[in-house]
Amino acid sequence: MKEERKKDYTLLRSILFLLPTWIILLIFFVGPILLTFYFAFTNLSLTGTEAQSLEFTGFQNFLTMFQDPNFRISMVNTIVFLLFSAVIGQQVLGFILALLMKEKNTSFRRIIGIIVIAGWVTPEIVVAFCWVAFLSDNGTLNMILGNMGMKPVTWLYSFPMISVIIANIWHGTAFSMLVYQAALDDVPKSVEEAAVIDGASRFQMLRKIVLPMMKGSIVTNMILVTLQTLGVFTLIFAMTGGGPGASTQTLPIFMYNQAFVNYQLGYGTAISLILLLIGIISSTIYIRYMKVEI
């Protein structure tokens, strides 16, 4: 009996000890999530007659969204930005950098690592201003082209999507590089040596041995980079403001305009659920891909 009471007392102490944490999670995490789902189906607004009476409108926000041509443009821009910036850009460049630094001496890896990681730890707003200064009409890149006898290019106006994609690749590649560095270091050298003895080329060893052994790291990194890229707002907003026109208006910027410029919070919240859905679908595809041989 004493042991049972002691166990019950220990359990009660544990619950009481964790209670403040649970309350904080409910208030600042679970609560906002539930409110987000609720507000997405309402006419929540900051101005007009709708601001005076909150009403449940069902799927009206989503019907309005799918009929809005700006939403379709934003969806296409988001997919393009995600595909070339995260899935291809950061993944490929990060893997190449990690592969080039494999088995290099510590000093070389440390210097290159610091240079690449410097871009990753820099705040998005600072990264945006750096790239605006580099790509603007009187920026560094046009000065270099002018010294080479070439005409200057209005990069942020003529090639806005390419500009923000390159800026985001530069900003986020270091994370993929670190993940792939750790994964490559975990590949047993004995396996690689056996493959070399069997006559496998470097490409064959990479494709048949290294990549399959890194599959878990690749998929995990793709999920994390995808979710991070879906939420990119400051970089694009500071560089182009979503323009010219709507050429770089991704879903986060479209959501911001609807919620905090047009004050349609319910509509903006519904857009956020679409972003969440894209993240869930992408993650599910990656996880299913993990079960398939490369």
Protein backbone atom coordinates (compact mmCIF):
# COMPACT_ATOMS: atom_id res chain seq x y z
CA MET A 1 0.00 0.00 0.00
CA LYS A 2 2.79 2.38 0.88
CA GLU A 3 4.53 1.72 -2.43
CA GLU A 4 1.29 2.39 -4.35
CA ARG A 5 0.74 5.64 -2.46
CA LYS A 6 4.32 6.60 -3.12
CA LYS A 7 3.85 5.96 -6.86
CA ASP A 8 0.62 7.98 -6.89
CA TYR A 9 2.36 10.80 -5.04
CA THR A 10 5.25 10.75 -7.52
CA LEU A 11 2.81 10.82 -10.45
CA LEU A 12 0.91 13.73 -8.92
CA ARG A 13 4.15 15.65 -8.37
CA SER A 14 5.15 15.03 -11.98
CA ILE A 15 1.79 16.27 -13.24
CA LEU A 16 1.95 19.39 -11.07
CA PHE A 17 5.53 20.03 -12.16
CA LEU A 18 4.56 19.84 -15.86
CA LEU A 19 1.27 21.71 -15.45
CA PRO A 20 2.72 25.21 -16.15
CA THR A 21 4.29 23.91 -19.36
CA TRP A 22 1.01 22.37 -20.49
CA ILE A 23 -0.85 25.60 -19.76
CA ILE A 24 1.66 27.64 -21.77
CA LEU A 25 1.42 25.20 -24.69
CA LEU A 26 -2.38 25.32 -24.62
CA ILE A 27 -2.46 29.12 -24.53
CA PHE A 28 0.30 29.96 -27.02
CA PHE A 29 0.35 26.89 -29.31
CA VAL A 30 -2.80 24.78 -29.29
CA GLY A 31 -5.11 27.77 -28.78
CA PRO A 32 -3.86 29.79 -31.80
CA ILE A 33 -3.99 26.68 -34.00
CA LEU A 34 -7.63 26.02 -33.09
CA LEU A 35 -8.49 29.71 -33.57
CA THR A 36 -6.81 29.66 -36.98
CA PHE A 37 -9.04 26.81 -38.13
CA TYR A 38 -12.09 28.57 -36.73
CA PHE A 39 -11.37 32.03 -38.17
CA ALA A 40 -10.72 30.55 -41.63
CA PHE A 41 -14.44 29.75 -41.82
CA THR A 42 -15.64 33.16 -40.64
CA ASN A 43 -15.92 36.69 -42.03
CA LEU A 44 -13.43 38.09 -39.50
CA SER A 45 -12.42 41.59 -40.58
CA LEU A 46 -10.93 44.74 -39.07
CA THR A 47 -13.05 47.23 -41.01
CA GLY A 48 -16.56 47.59 -42.42
CA THR A 49 -19.81 46.09 -41.25
CA GLU A 50 -18.24 42.62 -41.04
CA ALA A 51 -15.99 43.83 -38.22
CA GLN A 52 -19.05 44.49 -36.06
CA SER A 53 -20.45 40.97 -36.17
CA LEU A 54 -18.39 37.81 -36.51
CA GLU A 55 -20.29 35.20 -38.50
CA PHE A 56 -19.58 31.64 -39.53
CA THR A 57 -19.49 31.61 -43.35
CA GLY A 58 -18.52 28.01 -44.04
CA PHE A 59 -16.38 27.54 -47.13
CA GLN A 60 -17.08 31.01 -48.54
CA ASN A 61 -13.48 32.18 -48.00
CA PHE A 62 -12.16 29.17 -49.90
CA LEU A 63 -14.66 29.62 -52.74
CA THR A 64 -13.64 33.26 -53.05
CA MET A 65 -9.99 32.25 -52.94
CA PHE A 66 -10.18 29.69 -55.76
CA GLN A 67 -12.06 32.18 -57.94
CA ASP A 68 -9.46 34.89 -57.35
CA PRO A 69 -6.92 35.09 -60.22
CA ASN A 70 -4.36 36.61 -57.83
CA PHE A 71 -4.56 33.46 -55.71
CA ARG A 72 -3.84 31.28 -58.73
CA ILE A 73 -0.86 33.47 -59.65
CA SER A 74 0.41 33.28 -56.07
CA MET A 75 0.00 29.50 -56.05
CA VAL A 76 2.04 29.11 -59.24
CA ASN A 77 4.71 31.51 -57.93
CA THR A 78 4.88 29.57 -54.66
CA ILE A 79 5.37 26.25 -56.45
CA VAL A 80 8.03 27.73 -58.76
CA PHE A 81 9.84 29.37 -55.84
CA LEU A 82 9.63 26.17 -53.78
CA LEU A 83 10.78 23.89 -56.59
CA PHE A 84 13.77 25.88 -57.81
CA SER A 85 14.77 27.44 -54.50
CA ALA A 86 14.36 24.55 -52.06
CA VAL A 87 13.87 21.20 -53.78
CA ILE A 88 16.48 21.80 -56.50
CA GLY A 89 18.61 24.80 -55.52
CA GLN A 90 19.43 24.28 -51.86
CA GLN A 91 19.42 20.50 -52.06
CA VAL A 92 21.74 20.21 -55.06
CA LEU A 93 24.13 23.01 -54.11
CA GLY A 94 24.25 21.90 -50.48
CA PHE A 95 25.05 18.32 -51.52
CA ILE A 96 27.73 19.44 -53.99
CA LEU A 97 29.42 21.60 -51.34
CA ALA A 98 29.29 18.76 -48.82
CA LEU A 99 30.69 16.32 -51.39
CA LEU A 100 33.52 18.68 -52.35
CA MET A 101 34.51 19.10 -48.70
CA LYS A 102 34.44 15.39 -47.94
CA GLU A 103 37.78 14.10 -46.66
CA LYS A 104 39.33 17.56 -46.96
CA ASN A 105 41.56 18.75 -44.14
CA THR A 106 39.97 20.35 -41.10
CA SER A 107 41.25 23.87 -41.80
CA PHE A 108 39.80 23.89 -45.33
CA ARG A 109 36.42 22.60 -44.15
CA ARG A 110 36.35 25.12 -41.33
CA ILE A 111 37.07 28.12 -43.60
CA ILE A 112 34.55 27.11 -46.29
CA GLY A 113 32.01 26.21 -43.61
CA ILE A 114 32.29 29.63 -41.96
CA ILE A 115 31.88 31.42 -45.32
CA VAL A 116 28.78 29.41 -46.27
CA ILE A 117 27.21 29.44 -42.80
CA ALA A 118 27.64 33.23 -42.60
CA GLY A 119 24.86 33.57 -45.18
CA TRP A 120 22.60 31.20 -43.26
CA VAL A 121 22.86 32.94 -39.88
CA THR A 122 22.34 36.39 -41.40
CA PRO A 123 18.76 37.65 -40.83
CA GLU A 124 16.49 37.57 -43.87
CA ILE A 125 16.04 41.34 -43.92
CA VAL A 126 19.81 41.85 -44.04
CA VAL A 127 20.14 39.24 -46.78
CA ALA A 128 17.42 41.03 -48.76
CA PHE A 129 19.16 44.42 -48.49
CA CYS A 130 22.49 42.85 -49.50
CA TRP A 131 20.98 41.32 -52.64
CA VAL A 132 19.08 44.51 -53.48
CA ALA A 133 22.38 46.38 -53.27
CA PHE A 134 23.99 43.74 -55.47
CA LEU A 135 21.22 43.52 -58.09
CA SER A 136 19.84 47.08 -58.20
CA ASP A 137 20.27 49.33 -61.23
CA ASN A 138 23.35 50.97 -59.73
CA GLY A 139 24.37 47.87 -57.82
CA THR A 140 27.57 45.89 -57.69
CA LEU A 141 26.64 43.44 -60.43
CA ASN A 142 25.86 46.18 -62.95
CA MET A 143 29.09 47.96 -62.04
CA ILE A 144 31.00 44.77 -62.85
CA LEU A 145 29.11 44.36 -66.13
CA GLY A 146 29.77 48.01 -66.99
CA ASN A 147 33.51 47.57 -66.44
CA MET A 148 33.37 44.59 -68.81
CA GLY A 149 31.72 46.75 -71.49
CA MET A 150 28.27 45.19 -71.08
CA LYS A 151 24.96 47.00 -70.70
CA PRO A 152 23.43 47.14 -67.22
CA VAL A 153 20.37 44.97 -66.53
CA THR A 154 17.39 45.84 -64.33
CA TRP A 155 17.59 42.49 -62.55
CA LEU A 156 14.86 43.07 -59.96
CA TYR A 157 12.47 44.29 -62.66
CA SER A 158 13.34 42.05 -65.61
CA PHE A 159 14.15 38.85 -63.67
CA PRO A 160 12.43 39.25 -60.29
CA MET A 161 11.65 35.58 -59.60
CA ILE A 162 15.15 34.46 -60.56
CA SER A 163 16.56 37.15 -58.27
CA VAL A 164 14.61 36.07 -55.18
CA ILE A 165 15.28 32.38 -55.91
CA ILE A 166 19.04 32.97 -56.08
CA ALA A 167 18.92 35.07 -52.91
CA ASN A 168 17.05 32.36 -51.01
CA ILE A 169 19.40 29.64 -52.28
CA TRP A 170 22.37 31.69 -51.06
CA HIS A 171 20.67 32.22 -47.71
CA GLY A 172 19.59 28.66 -47.01
CA THR A 173 22.13 26.36 -48.66
CA ALA A 174 24.32 26.11 -45.56
CA PHE A 175 21.70 24.08 -43.70
CA SER A 176 21.59 21.45 -46.45
CA MET A 177 25.38 21.44 -46.59
CA LEU A 178 25.64 20.70 -42.87
CA VAL A 179 23.05 17.91 -43.05
CA TYR A 180 24.75 16.27 -46.01
CA GLN A 181 28.20 16.70 -44.49
CA ALA A 182 27.10 14.73 -41.44
CA ALA A 183 25.41 12.09 -43.63
CA LEU A 184 28.49 11.67 -45.85
CA ASP A 185 30.75 11.34 -42.82
CA ASP A 186 28.52 8.51 -41.55
CA VAL A 187 29.03 6.42 -44.71
CA PRO A 188 31.49 3.65 -43.69
CA LYS A 189 34.83 3.96 -45.46
CA SER A 190 35.10 0.17 -45.58
CA VAL A 191 32.04 0.03 -47.84
CA GLU A 192 33.51 2.61 -50.21
CA GLU A 193 36.87 0.83 -50.27
CA ALA A 194 35.17 -2.49 -51.08
CA ALA A 195 33.30 -0.81 -53.96
CA VAL A 196 36.56 0.60 -55.33
CA ILE A 197 38.17 -2.83 -55.17
CA ASP A 198 35.20 -4.26 -57.06
CA GLY A 199 35.86 -1.75 -59.84
CA ALA A 200 33.03 0.75 -59.17
CA SER A 201 33.54 4.22 -60.57
CA ARG A 202 33.03 7.33 -58.44
CA PHE A 203 29.65 7.96 -60.06
CA GLN A 204 28.53 4.35 -59.56
CA MET A 205 29.65 4.43 -55.93
CA LEU A 206 27.76 7.68 -55.40
CA ARG A 207 24.58 6.41 -57.05
CA LYS A 208 24.53 2.82 -55.79
CA ILE A 209 26.06 3.16 -52.32
CA VAL A 210 26.29 6.69 -50.98
CA LEU A 211 22.87 8.06 -51.98
CA PRO A 212 20.87 5.01 -50.78
CA MET A 213 22.65 5.17 -47.42
CA MET A 214 21.83 8.89 -47.18
CA LYS A 215 18.17 8.45 -48.11
CA GLY A 216 16.86 9.25 -44.63
CA SER A 217 18.95 12.42 -44.36
CA ILE A 218 17.92 13.53 -47.85
CA VAL A 219 14.21 13.18 -47.18
CA THR A 220 14.43 14.76 -43.72
CA ASN A 221 16.36 17.69 -45.13
CA MET A 222 13.86 18.11 -47.97
CA ILE A 223 10.98 18.27 -45.50
CA LEU A 224 12.69 20.87 -43.30
CA VAL A 225 13.87 23.02 -46.21
CA THR A 226 10.46 22.84 -47.89
CA LEU A 227 8.60 23.95 -44.76
CA GLN A 228 11.09 26.76 -44.21
CA THR A 229 10.85 27.94 -47.82
CA LEU A 230 7.04 27.91 -47.78
CA GLY A 231 7.18 30.47 -44.97
CA VAL A 232 9.66 32.85 -46.63
CA PHE A 233 8.15 36.32 -46.47
CA THR A 234 10.68 38.95 -45.41
CA LEU A 235 13.21 38.15 -48.13
CA ILE A 236 10.76 38.48 -51.01
CA PHE A 237 8.81 41.37 -49.51
CA ALA A 238 11.96 43.44 -48.89
CA MET A 239 13.46 42.69 -52.31
CA THR A 240 10.45 43.07 -54.61
CA GLY A 241 7.34 43.59 -52.47
CA GLY A 242 5.77 40.76 -54.46
CA GLY A 243 6.19 42.65 -57.73
CA PRO A 244 6.59 43.89 -60.31
CA GLY A 245 2.85 43.40 -60.51
CA ALA A 246 2.34 39.98 -58.97
CA SER A 247 5.36 38.28 -60.55
CA THR A 248 6.93 37.36 -57.18
CA GLN A 249 3.78 37.34 -55.07
CA THR A 250 3.89 34.04 -53.22
CA LEU A 251 1.17 32.79 -50.87
CA PRO A 252 2.71 34.34 -47.71
CA ILE A 253 2.74 37.77 -49.38
CA PHE A 254 -0.76 37.27 -50.79
CA MET A 255 -1.93 36.25 -47.31
CA TYR A 256 -0.28 39.35 -45.78
CA ASN A 257 -1.96 41.65 -48.31
CA GLN A 258 -5.38 40.17 -47.67
CA ALA A 259 -5.08 40.05 -43.88
CA PHE A 260 -3.14 43.22 -43.02
CA VAL A 261 -3.58 45.48 -46.06
CA ASN A 262 -7.19 44.70 -46.95
CA TYR A 263 -7.95 43.80 -43.29
CA GLN A 264 -9.75 40.57 -44.26
CA LEU A 265 -8.37 38.41 -41.47
CA GLY A 266 -10.71 35.50 -42.11
CA TYR A 267 -9.70 35.35 -45.76
CA GLY A 268 -6.02 35.63 -44.85
CA THR A 269 -6.37 32.83 -42.31
CA ALA A 270 -7.96 30.61 -44.97
CA ILE A 271 -4.91 31.21 -47.19
CA SER A 272 -2.66 30.13 -44.31
CA LEU A 273 -4.48 26.79 -44.22
CA ILE A 274 -3.67 26.30 -47.91
CA LEU A 275 -0.01 26.87 -47.06
CA LEU A 276 -0.32 24.30 -44.28
CA LEU A 277 -1.93 21.86 -46.72
CA ILE A 278 0.92 22.29 -49.22
CA GLY A 279 3.42 21.56 -46.46
CA ILE A 280 1.54 18.43 -45.39
CA ILE A 281 1.23 17.13 -48.97
CA SER A 282 4.91 17.79 -49.69
CA SER A 283 6.02 16.09 -46.47
CA THR A 284 3.79 13.08 -47.21
CA ILE A 285 5.28 12.73 -50.68
CA TYR A 286 8.81 12.86 -49.26
CA ILE A 287 8.01 10.29 -46.56
CA ARG A 288 6.48 7.91 -49.10
CA TYR A 289 9.52 8.44 -51.29
CA MET A 290 11.74 7.38 -48.40
CA LYS A 291 10.29 3.86 -48.67
CA VAL A 292 11.27 3.60 -52.35
CA GLU A 293 14.76 2.66 -53.47
CA ILE A 294 16.75 5.41 -55.16
